[in-house]
Amino acid sequence: MSAFHFFKTKNFLKGEKGKDITMLSELANINWHQTVDYLWHLVVAYALAIPIGLDRERSQRHFGLRTFPLVAVVSCGFMMVGMSVIDSTDGEARIFQGIVTGIGFIGGGAIFKDKDRVSGTASAASIWNTGAIGLAVAFNRFEIAIVLSLLNFVTLWALGRFKDKLPDDSQDDD
């Protein structure tokens, strides 16, 4: 069932006198168990992105503590909405593709080139990974989300410390 068909059948688009009553009855019929399940997914996506955001915030990079959890939550939310209103895996795949493309576009804005130095690549890859965390959580693949979060954080934290010990001429700003 398309979203337009759903709203049309629920009298949301007709402008009838009973419209307000229909909307209120829909709100009264919220499946609270499902709402709590969705909230749980969003909280998990948020929590798994916080360590990455903390690292980027402490490193004073392009993205920080607020951006990473929001990207995880939004990608998880978009995918959960898509899975709940679209009947086909083709439609879900298009939503998935749109999320990955959009996050790649956001990450691309973090990459800067200055003469012979490129910076922002780790932040860009991390923002893309954070989107993947949100998508994994939306599909109930918590083990994938946890591994992605851990690997991203360890890469930024441990390898960042190693990189700081390298001679200055071999480093970029990210």
N, C-alpha and C. Protein backbone atom coordinates (compact mmCIF):
# COMPACT_ATOMS: atom_id res chain seq x y z
N MET A 1 0.85 -1.17 0.00
CA MET A 1 0.00 0.00 0.00
C MET A 1 0.90 1.23 0.00
N SER A 2 0.64 2.13 -0.93
CA SER A 2 1.45 3.35 -0.98
C SER A 2 1.05 4.30 0.14
N ALA A 3 1.95 5.20 0.46
CA ALA A 3 1.67 6.18 1.51
C ALA A 3 0.47 7.05 1.12
N PHE A 4 0.38 7.43 -0.17
CA PHE A 4 -0.74 8.24 -0.62
C PHE A 4 -2.05 7.49 -0.42
N HIS A 5 -2.07 6.20 -0.81
CA HIS A 5 -3.27 5.39 -0.65
C HIS A 5 -3.65 5.27 0.83
N PHE A 6 -2.67 5.09 1.68
CA PHE A 6 -2.92 4.98 3.12
C PHE A 6 -3.60 6.24 3.64
N PHE A 7 -3.05 7.40 3.31
CA PHE A 7 -3.63 8.64 3.81
C PHE A 7 -4.99 8.91 3.19
N LYS A 8 -5.16 8.54 1.93
CA LYS A 8 -6.45 8.75 1.27
C LYS A 8 -7.53 7.90 1.94
N THR A 9 -7.21 6.65 2.23
CA THR A 9 -8.20 5.77 2.86
C THR A 9 -8.48 6.17 4.29
N LYS A 10 -7.60 6.87 4.92
CA LYS A 10 -7.79 7.30 6.31
C LYS A 10 -8.44 8.69 6.39
N ASN A 11 -8.88 9.22 5.25
CA ASN A 11 -9.54 10.53 5.18
C ASN A 11 -8.61 11.69 5.54
N PHE A 12 -7.32 11.51 5.50
CA PHE A 12 -6.41 12.60 5.82
C PHE A 12 -6.35 13.62 4.69
N LEU A 13 -6.63 13.18 3.45
CA LEU A 13 -6.48 14.08 2.31
C LEU A 13 -7.81 14.59 1.77
N LYS A 14 -8.92 14.22 2.35
CA LYS A 14 -10.22 14.57 1.78
C LYS A 14 -10.79 15.89 2.30
N GLY A 15 -10.36 16.36 3.43
CA GLY A 15 -10.88 17.59 3.97
C GLY A 15 -12.31 17.46 4.46
N GLU A 16 -12.73 16.31 4.87
CA GLU A 16 -14.09 16.10 5.35
C GLU A 16 -14.24 16.56 6.79
N LYS A 17 -15.49 16.69 7.22
CA LYS A 17 -15.75 17.12 8.59
C LYS A 17 -15.19 16.13 9.61
N GLY A 18 -15.19 14.87 9.29
CA GLY A 18 -14.71 13.85 10.22
C GLY A 18 -13.20 13.69 10.24
N LYS A 19 -12.52 14.55 9.49
CA LYS A 19 -11.07 14.43 9.39
C LYS A 19 -10.39 14.51 10.76
N ASP A 20 -10.75 15.49 11.57
CA ASP A 20 -10.11 15.64 12.87
C ASP A 20 -10.39 14.44 13.75
N ILE A 21 -11.60 13.90 13.68
CA ILE A 21 -11.95 12.73 14.47
C ILE A 21 -11.14 11.52 14.02
N THR A 22 -10.97 11.37 12.70
CA THR A 22 -10.19 10.25 12.17
C THR A 22 -8.75 10.33 12.63
N MET A 23 -8.19 11.53 12.58
CA MET A 23 -6.80 11.69 13.01
C MET A 23 -6.66 11.39 14.51
N LEU A 24 -7.61 11.86 15.30
CA LEU A 24 -7.55 11.59 16.74
C LEU A 24 -7.72 10.10 17.03
N SER A 25 -8.59 9.44 16.28
CA SER A 25 -8.76 8.00 16.52
C SER A 25 -7.50 7.24 16.12
N GLU A 26 -6.81 7.71 15.08
CA GLU A 26 -5.54 7.08 14.71
C GLU A 26 -4.51 7.25 15.82
N LEU A 27 -4.47 8.43 16.41
CA LEU A 27 -3.54 8.66 17.52
C LEU A 27 -3.90 7.80 18.73
N ALA A 28 -5.18 7.61 18.95
CA ALA A 28 -5.62 6.80 20.09
C ALA A 28 -5.31 5.32 19.88
N ASN A 29 -5.15 4.92 18.62
CA ASN A 29 -4.90 3.52 18.31
C ASN A 29 -3.43 3.21 18.08
N ILE A 30 -2.56 4.04 18.60
CA ILE A 30 -1.13 3.79 18.45
C ILE A 30 -0.77 2.48 19.14
N ASN A 31 0.02 1.69 18.45
CA ASN A 31 0.52 0.44 19.02
C ASN A 31 1.72 0.80 19.89
N TRP A 32 1.50 0.88 21.20
CA TRP A 32 2.55 1.33 22.10
C TRP A 32 3.68 0.33 22.23
N HIS A 33 3.38 -0.94 22.08
CA HIS A 33 4.45 -1.95 22.10
C HIS A 33 5.41 -1.71 20.93
N GLN A 34 4.84 -1.45 19.76
CA GLN A 34 5.66 -1.18 18.58
C GLN A 34 6.42 0.15 18.75
N THR A 35 5.78 1.12 19.35
CA THR A 35 6.42 2.41 19.59
C THR A 35 7.64 2.25 20.50
N VAL A 36 7.50 1.46 21.54
CA VAL A 36 8.62 1.21 22.45
C VAL A 36 9.73 0.46 21.71
N ASP A 37 9.36 -0.47 20.84
CA ASP A 37 10.36 -1.19 20.04
C ASP A 37 11.13 -0.23 19.13
N TYR A 38 10.42 0.67 18.47
CA TYR A 38 11.08 1.66 17.63
C TYR A 38 11.99 2.56 18.46
N LEU A 39 11.50 2.99 19.61
CA LEU A 39 12.31 3.83 20.49
C LEU A 39 13.58 3.10 20.92
N TRP A 40 13.46 1.82 21.25
CA TRP A 40 14.62 1.01 21.62
C TRP A 40 15.65 1.00 20.50
N HIS A 41 15.21 0.79 19.27
CA HIS A 41 16.12 0.79 18.12
C HIS A 41 16.83 2.14 17.99
N LEU A 42 16.08 3.22 18.11
CA LEU A 42 16.68 4.54 17.96
C LEU A 42 17.68 4.84 19.07
N VAL A 43 17.37 4.42 20.29
CA VAL A 43 18.29 4.62 21.42
C VAL A 43 19.57 3.82 21.22
N VAL A 44 19.45 2.58 20.74
CA VAL A 44 20.64 1.76 20.49
C VAL A 44 21.51 2.40 19.41
N ALA A 45 20.90 2.84 18.32
CA ALA A 45 21.66 3.50 17.25
C ALA A 45 22.37 4.74 17.79
N TYR A 46 21.66 5.51 18.59
CA TYR A 46 22.22 6.72 19.20
C TYR A 46 23.42 6.38 20.09
N ALA A 47 23.24 5.39 20.96
CA ALA A 47 24.29 5.02 21.92
C ALA A 47 25.53 4.48 21.21
N LEU A 48 25.35 3.71 20.15
CA LEU A 48 26.51 3.14 19.45
C LEU A 48 27.30 4.18 18.68
N ALA A 49 26.69 5.33 18.39
CA ALA A 49 27.40 6.39 17.67
C ALA A 49 28.11 7.37 18.60
N ILE A 50 27.75 7.39 19.86
CA ILE A 50 28.33 8.36 20.79
C ILE A 50 29.86 8.22 20.93
N PRO A 51 30.42 7.02 21.08
CA PRO A 51 31.89 6.95 21.19
C PRO A 51 32.61 7.54 19.98
N ILE A 52 32.06 7.34 18.80
CA ILE A 52 32.67 7.89 17.59
C ILE A 52 32.58 9.42 17.62
N GLY A 53 31.41 9.93 17.98
CA GLY A 53 31.23 11.38 18.08
C GLY A 53 32.12 12.01 19.14
N LEU A 54 32.29 11.32 20.27
CA LEU A 54 33.18 11.82 21.32
C LEU A 54 34.62 11.93 20.83
N ASP A 55 35.06 10.91 20.11
CA ASP A 55 36.43 10.94 19.59
C ASP A 55 36.62 12.10 18.62
N ARG A 56 35.67 12.27 17.72
CA ARG A 56 35.78 13.35 16.74
C ARG A 56 35.67 14.72 17.41
N GLU A 57 34.86 14.81 18.44
CA GLU A 57 34.72 16.08 19.17
C GLU A 57 36.02 16.43 19.90
N ARG A 58 36.62 15.43 20.56
CA ARG A 58 37.89 15.67 21.25
C ARG A 58 39.00 16.01 20.29
N SER A 59 38.93 15.47 19.10
CA SER A 59 39.95 15.74 18.09
C SER A 59 39.69 17.04 17.35
N GLN A 60 38.58 17.70 17.68
CA GLN A 60 38.16 18.95 17.04
C GLN A 60 38.11 18.80 15.53
N ARG A 61 37.40 17.77 15.08
CA ARG A 61 37.25 17.51 13.65
C ARG A 61 35.98 18.17 13.12
N HIS A 62 35.71 17.95 11.85
CA HIS A 62 34.60 18.61 11.17
C HIS A 62 33.24 18.24 11.75
N PHE A 63 33.07 17.00 12.12
CA PHE A 63 31.83 16.55 12.73
C PHE A 63 32.13 16.24 14.18
N GLY A 64 31.10 16.24 15.02
CA GLY A 64 31.38 16.02 16.43
C GLY A 64 30.29 15.23 17.14
N LEU A 65 30.18 15.51 18.41
CA LEU A 65 29.33 14.75 19.32
C LEU A 65 27.87 14.76 18.92
N ARG A 66 27.37 15.83 18.39
CA ARG A 66 25.95 15.87 18.01
C ARG A 66 25.70 15.20 16.67
N THR A 67 26.60 15.35 15.74
CA THR A 67 26.36 14.88 14.37
C THR A 67 26.29 13.36 14.27
N PHE A 68 27.23 12.67 14.85
CA PHE A 68 27.29 11.22 14.68
C PHE A 68 26.06 10.50 15.23
N PRO A 69 25.63 10.79 16.46
CA PRO A 69 24.40 10.12 16.93
C PRO A 69 23.18 10.48 16.09
N LEU A 70 23.11 11.72 15.63
CA LEU A 70 21.96 12.11 14.81
C LEU A 70 21.94 11.37 13.48
N VAL A 71 23.09 11.19 12.86
CA VAL A 71 23.14 10.44 11.60
C VAL A 71 22.70 8.99 11.83
N ALA A 72 23.14 8.38 12.91
CA ALA A 72 22.74 7.00 13.21
C ALA A 72 21.24 6.90 13.45
N VAL A 73 20.71 7.84 14.22
CA VAL A 73 19.27 7.83 14.54
C VAL A 73 18.44 8.08 13.27
N VAL A 74 18.84 9.05 12.48
CA VAL A 74 18.07 9.38 11.28
C VAL A 74 18.11 8.23 10.27
N SER A 75 19.26 7.63 10.06
CA SER A 75 19.31 6.52 9.10
C SER A 75 18.50 5.33 9.61
N CYS A 76 18.56 5.08 10.90
CA CYS A 76 17.74 4.01 11.50
C CYS A 76 16.26 4.35 11.34
N GLY A 77 15.90 5.58 11.63
CA GLY A 77 14.50 6.01 11.53
C GLY A 77 13.96 5.95 10.12
N PHE A 78 14.72 6.46 9.15
CA PHE A 78 14.28 6.39 7.75
C PHE A 78 14.04 4.95 7.33
N MET A 79 14.97 4.08 7.71
CA MET A 79 14.83 2.68 7.29
C MET A 79 13.65 2.02 7.96
N MET A 80 13.41 2.30 9.24
CA MET A 80 12.27 1.70 9.94
C MET A 80 10.95 2.19 9.34
N VAL A 81 10.89 3.48 9.01
CA VAL A 81 9.68 4.00 8.36
C VAL A 81 9.48 3.31 7.02
N GLY A 82 10.55 3.21 6.25
CA GLY A 82 10.46 2.55 4.95
C GLY A 82 9.99 1.11 5.05
N MET A 83 10.54 0.39 6.01
CA MET A 83 10.14 -1.02 6.17
C MET A 83 8.69 -1.14 6.62
N SER A 84 8.18 -0.14 7.32
CA SER A 84 6.81 -0.24 7.82
C SER A 84 5.76 0.19 6.81
N VAL A 85 6.12 0.96 5.79
CA VAL A 85 5.13 1.43 4.83
C VAL A 85 5.31 0.88 3.41
N ILE A 86 6.41 0.22 3.16
CA ILE A 86 6.67 -0.31 1.81
C ILE A 86 6.61 -1.83 1.87
N ASP A 87 5.88 -2.39 0.92
CA ASP A 87 5.65 -3.83 0.92
C ASP A 87 6.73 -4.64 0.21
N SER A 88 7.58 -4.00 -0.58
CA SER A 88 8.52 -4.75 -1.40
C SER A 88 9.96 -4.54 -0.94
N THR A 89 10.76 -5.56 -1.17
CA THR A 89 12.18 -5.42 -0.87
C THR A 89 12.84 -4.45 -1.85
N ASP A 90 12.28 -4.32 -3.07
CA ASP A 90 12.81 -3.34 -4.02
C ASP A 90 12.67 -1.92 -3.47
N GLY A 91 11.52 -1.63 -2.87
CA GLY A 91 11.31 -0.31 -2.28
C GLY A 91 12.23 -0.07 -1.10
N GLU A 92 12.40 -1.09 -0.27
CA GLU A 92 13.32 -0.97 0.85
C GLU A 92 14.74 -0.75 0.36
N ALA A 93 15.11 -1.42 -0.71
CA ALA A 93 16.45 -1.27 -1.27
C ALA A 93 16.67 0.15 -1.77
N ARG A 94 15.63 0.76 -2.35
CA ARG A 94 15.77 2.14 -2.81
C ARG A 94 15.95 3.10 -1.64
N ILE A 95 15.25 2.86 -0.55
CA ILE A 95 15.44 3.69 0.65
C ILE A 95 16.85 3.52 1.17
N PHE A 96 17.30 2.28 1.27
CA PHE A 96 18.65 1.96 1.72
C PHE A 96 19.67 2.71 0.86
N GLN A 97 19.50 2.63 -0.46
CA GLN A 97 20.42 3.28 -1.38
C GLN A 97 20.40 4.80 -1.19
N GLY A 98 19.23 5.36 -0.99
CA GLY A 98 19.13 6.80 -0.78
C GLY A 98 19.84 7.25 0.49
N ILE A 99 19.71 6.45 1.54
CA ILE A 99 20.38 6.78 2.80
C ILE A 99 21.90 6.74 2.62
N VAL A 100 22.39 5.68 2.01
CA VAL A 100 23.84 5.54 1.81
C VAL A 100 24.38 6.67 0.94
N THR A 101 23.65 7.01 -0.12
CA THR A 101 24.08 8.09 -1.01
C THR A 101 24.07 9.43 -0.28
N GLY A 102 23.01 9.70 0.46
CA GLY A 102 22.90 10.96 1.19
C GLY A 102 23.99 11.14 2.23
N ILE A 103 24.28 10.08 2.95
CA ILE A 103 25.33 10.17 3.97
C ILE A 103 26.70 10.32 3.31
N GLY A 104 26.89 9.66 2.17
CA GLY A 104 28.14 9.84 1.41
C GLY A 104 28.32 11.29 0.98
N PHE A 105 27.21 11.92 0.60
CA PHE A 105 27.25 13.33 0.21
C PHE A 105 27.64 14.21 1.39
N ILE A 106 27.04 13.93 2.55
CA ILE A 106 27.39 14.68 3.77
C ILE A 106 28.87 14.49 4.10
N GLY A 107 29.33 13.25 4.07
CA GLY A 107 30.73 12.96 4.37
C GLY A 107 31.68 13.61 3.39
N GLY A 108 31.26 13.69 2.13
CA GLY A 108 32.10 14.33 1.13
C GLY A 108 32.38 15.79 1.45
N GLY A 109 31.47 16.42 2.16
CA GLY A 109 31.67 17.81 2.56
C GLY A 109 32.72 17.99 3.63
N ALA A 110 33.15 16.88 4.24
CA ALA A 110 34.16 16.96 5.30
C ALA A 110 35.57 16.83 4.76
N ILE A 111 35.71 16.45 3.51
CA ILE A 111 37.04 16.23 2.93
C ILE A 111 37.54 17.52 2.30
N PHE A 112 38.72 17.94 2.73
CA PHE A 112 39.33 19.17 2.23
C PHE A 112 40.71 18.86 1.68
N LYS A 113 41.07 19.57 0.60
CA LYS A 113 42.40 19.44 0.03
C LYS A 113 43.06 20.81 0.09
N ASP A 114 44.26 20.83 0.63
CA ASP A 114 45.03 22.06 0.74
C ASP A 114 46.43 21.76 0.25
N LYS A 115 46.76 22.21 -0.94
CA LYS A 115 48.05 21.93 -1.58
C LYS A 115 48.25 20.43 -1.68
N ASP A 116 49.21 19.87 -0.95
CA ASP A 116 49.48 18.44 -1.04
C ASP A 116 48.90 17.66 0.13
N ARG A 117 48.04 18.28 0.91
CA ARG A 117 47.45 17.62 2.09
C ARG A 117 45.94 17.44 1.90
N VAL A 118 45.47 16.29 2.31
CA VAL A 118 44.03 16.01 2.30
C VAL A 118 43.62 15.74 3.74
N SER A 119 42.55 16.36 4.17
CA SER A 119 42.07 16.14 5.53
C SER A 119 40.58 15.85 5.51
N GLY A 120 40.12 15.22 6.55
CA GLY A 120 38.70 14.94 6.70
C GLY A 120 38.26 13.56 6.25
N THR A 121 39.20 12.77 5.75
CA THR A 121 38.81 11.46 5.23
C THR A 121 38.34 10.52 6.33
N ALA A 122 38.98 10.57 7.49
CA ALA A 122 38.55 9.70 8.59
C ALA A 122 37.17 10.12 9.11
N SER A 123 36.91 11.42 9.17
CA SER A 123 35.60 11.90 9.58
C SER A 123 34.54 11.50 8.56
N ALA A 124 34.86 11.64 7.28
CA ALA A 124 33.91 11.27 6.23
C ALA A 124 33.59 9.77 6.29
N ALA A 125 34.62 8.95 6.45
CA ALA A 125 34.39 7.50 6.54
C ALA A 125 33.62 7.15 7.81
N SER A 126 33.89 7.87 8.88
CA SER A 126 33.19 7.61 10.14
C SER A 126 31.72 8.00 10.05
N ILE A 127 31.42 9.09 9.36
CA ILE A 127 30.02 9.49 9.23
C ILE A 127 29.26 8.47 8.38
N TRP A 128 29.93 7.92 7.38
CA TRP A 128 29.32 6.89 6.55
C TRP A 128 29.11 5.62 7.36
N ASN A 129 30.10 5.27 8.16
CA ASN A 129 29.99 4.10 9.03
C ASN A 129 28.86 4.26 10.04
N THR A 130 28.69 5.48 10.55
CA THR A 130 27.63 5.74 11.51
C THR A 130 26.26 5.53 10.87
N GLY A 131 26.13 5.90 9.61
CA GLY A 131 24.89 5.60 8.89
C GLY A 131 24.66 4.10 8.78
N ALA A 132 25.73 3.36 8.54
CA ALA A 132 25.62 1.89 8.47
C ALA A 132 25.22 1.31 9.82
N ILE A 133 25.67 1.92 10.90
CA ILE A 133 25.27 1.48 12.24
C ILE A 133 23.75 1.63 12.38
N GLY A 134 23.23 2.79 12.00
CA GLY A 134 21.80 3.02 12.07
C GLY A 134 21.01 2.04 11.22
N LEU A 135 21.50 1.76 10.02
CA LEU A 135 20.82 0.80 9.14
C LEU A 135 20.85 -0.60 9.74
N ALA A 136 21.98 -1.00 10.28
CA ALA A 136 22.08 -2.33 10.89
C ALA A 136 21.10 -2.47 12.05
N VAL A 137 20.99 -1.44 12.86
CA VAL A 137 20.05 -1.48 13.99
C VAL A 137 18.62 -1.58 13.47
N ALA A 138 18.30 -0.83 12.42
CA ALA A 138 16.94 -0.87 11.86
C ALA A 138 16.57 -2.28 11.41
N PHE A 139 17.53 -3.03 10.91
CA PHE A 139 17.30 -4.40 10.44
C PHE A 139 17.50 -5.44 11.54
N ASN A 140 17.58 -4.98 12.79
CA ASN A 140 17.78 -5.88 13.94
C ASN A 140 19.09 -6.64 13.87
N ARG A 141 20.07 -6.10 13.23
CA ARG A 141 21.39 -6.72 13.15
C ARG A 141 22.31 -6.00 14.13
N PHE A 142 21.96 -6.14 15.40
CA PHE A 142 22.68 -5.46 16.46
C PHE A 142 24.15 -5.87 16.52
N GLU A 143 24.43 -7.13 16.21
CA GLU A 143 25.82 -7.60 16.25
C GLU A 143 26.67 -6.86 15.22
N ILE A 144 26.10 -6.60 14.05
CA ILE A 144 26.82 -5.85 13.02
C ILE A 144 27.03 -4.42 13.49
N ALA A 145 26.00 -3.81 14.05
CA ALA A 145 26.10 -2.43 14.53
C ALA A 145 27.16 -2.29 15.62
N ILE A 146 27.20 -3.24 16.53
CA ILE A 146 28.19 -3.20 17.62
C ILE A 146 29.60 -3.33 17.06
N VAL A 147 29.80 -4.26 16.15
CA VAL A 147 31.13 -4.45 15.55
C VAL A 147 31.55 -3.20 14.77
N LEU A 148 30.64 -2.62 14.00
CA LEU A 148 30.96 -1.40 13.26
C LEU A 148 31.36 -0.26 14.20
N SER A 149 30.61 -0.12 15.28
CA SER A 149 30.90 0.94 16.25
C SER A 149 32.27 0.72 16.91
N LEU A 150 32.51 -0.51 17.35
CA LEU A 150 33.80 -0.81 18.00
C LEU A 150 34.98 -0.62 17.06
N LEU A 151 34.87 -1.15 15.84
CA LEU A 151 35.97 -1.01 14.89
C LEU A 151 36.24 0.45 14.55
N ASN A 152 35.19 1.23 14.36
CA ASN A 152 35.36 2.65 14.05
C ASN A 152 36.04 3.37 15.20
N PHE A 153 35.55 3.14 16.42
CA PHE A 153 36.13 3.82 17.57
C PHE A 153 37.58 3.42 17.79
N VAL A 154 37.87 2.12 17.72
CA VAL A 154 39.24 1.65 17.92
C VAL A 154 40.16 2.22 16.84
N THR A 155 39.67 2.26 15.61
CA THR A 155 40.49 2.82 14.53
C THR A 155 40.81 4.28 14.79
N LEU A 156 39.82 5.05 15.18
CA LEU A 156 40.06 6.47 15.44
C LEU A 156 40.94 6.69 16.67
N TRP A 157 40.66 5.94 17.73
CA TRP A 157 41.36 6.16 19.00
C TRP A 157 42.77 5.58 18.97
N ALA A 158 42.89 4.29 18.72
CA ALA A 158 44.20 3.62 18.80
C ALA A 158 45.12 4.04 17.65
N LEU A 159 44.61 3.99 16.45
CA LEU A 159 45.47 4.35 15.32
C LEU A 159 45.73 5.85 15.29
N GLY A 160 44.81 6.63 15.84
CA GLY A 160 45.06 8.07 15.96
C GLY A 160 46.24 8.36 16.86
N ARG A 161 46.34 7.63 17.95
CA ARG A 161 47.47 7.80 18.87
C ARG A 161 48.79 7.37 18.21
N PHE A 162 48.73 6.28 17.47
CA PHE A 162 49.91 5.81 16.73
C PHE A 162 50.32 6.85 15.69
N LYS A 163 49.34 7.38 14.98
CA LYS A 163 49.61 8.35 13.94
C LYS A 163 50.24 9.62 14.50
N ASP A 164 49.84 10.00 15.72
CA ASP A 164 50.41 11.19 16.36
C ASP A 164 51.91 11.05 16.61
N LYS A 165 52.39 9.82 16.68
CA LYS A 165 53.81 9.59 16.94
C LYS A 165 54.64 9.56 15.66
N LEU A 166 53.99 9.57 14.51
CA LEU A 166 54.71 9.58 13.24
C LEU A 166 55.30 10.97 12.99
N PRO A 167 56.35 11.04 12.17
CA PRO A 167 56.92 12.35 11.83
C PRO A 167 55.86 13.24 11.17
N ASP A 168 55.94 14.55 11.40
CA ASP A 168 54.93 15.50 10.93
C ASP A 168 54.72 15.48 9.43
N ASP A 169 55.75 15.26 8.64
CA ASP A 169 55.60 15.33 7.19
C ASP A 169 54.77 14.18 6.61
N SER A 170 54.53 13.12 7.37
CA SER A 170 53.74 12.01 6.85
C SER A 170 52.28 12.05 7.32
N GLN A 171 51.91 13.10 8.04
CA GLN A 171 50.57 13.19 8.58
C GLN A 171 49.71 14.15 7.77
N ASP A 172 48.42 13.87 7.76
CA ASP A 172 47.47 14.87 7.31
C ASP A 172 46.72 15.36 8.54
N ASP A 173 45.72 16.16 8.36
CA ASP A 173 45.02 16.73 9.51
C ASP A 173 43.93 15.83 10.05
N ASP A 174 43.72 14.66 9.49
CA ASP A 174 42.66 13.81 9.95
C ASP A 174 43.23 12.44 10.12
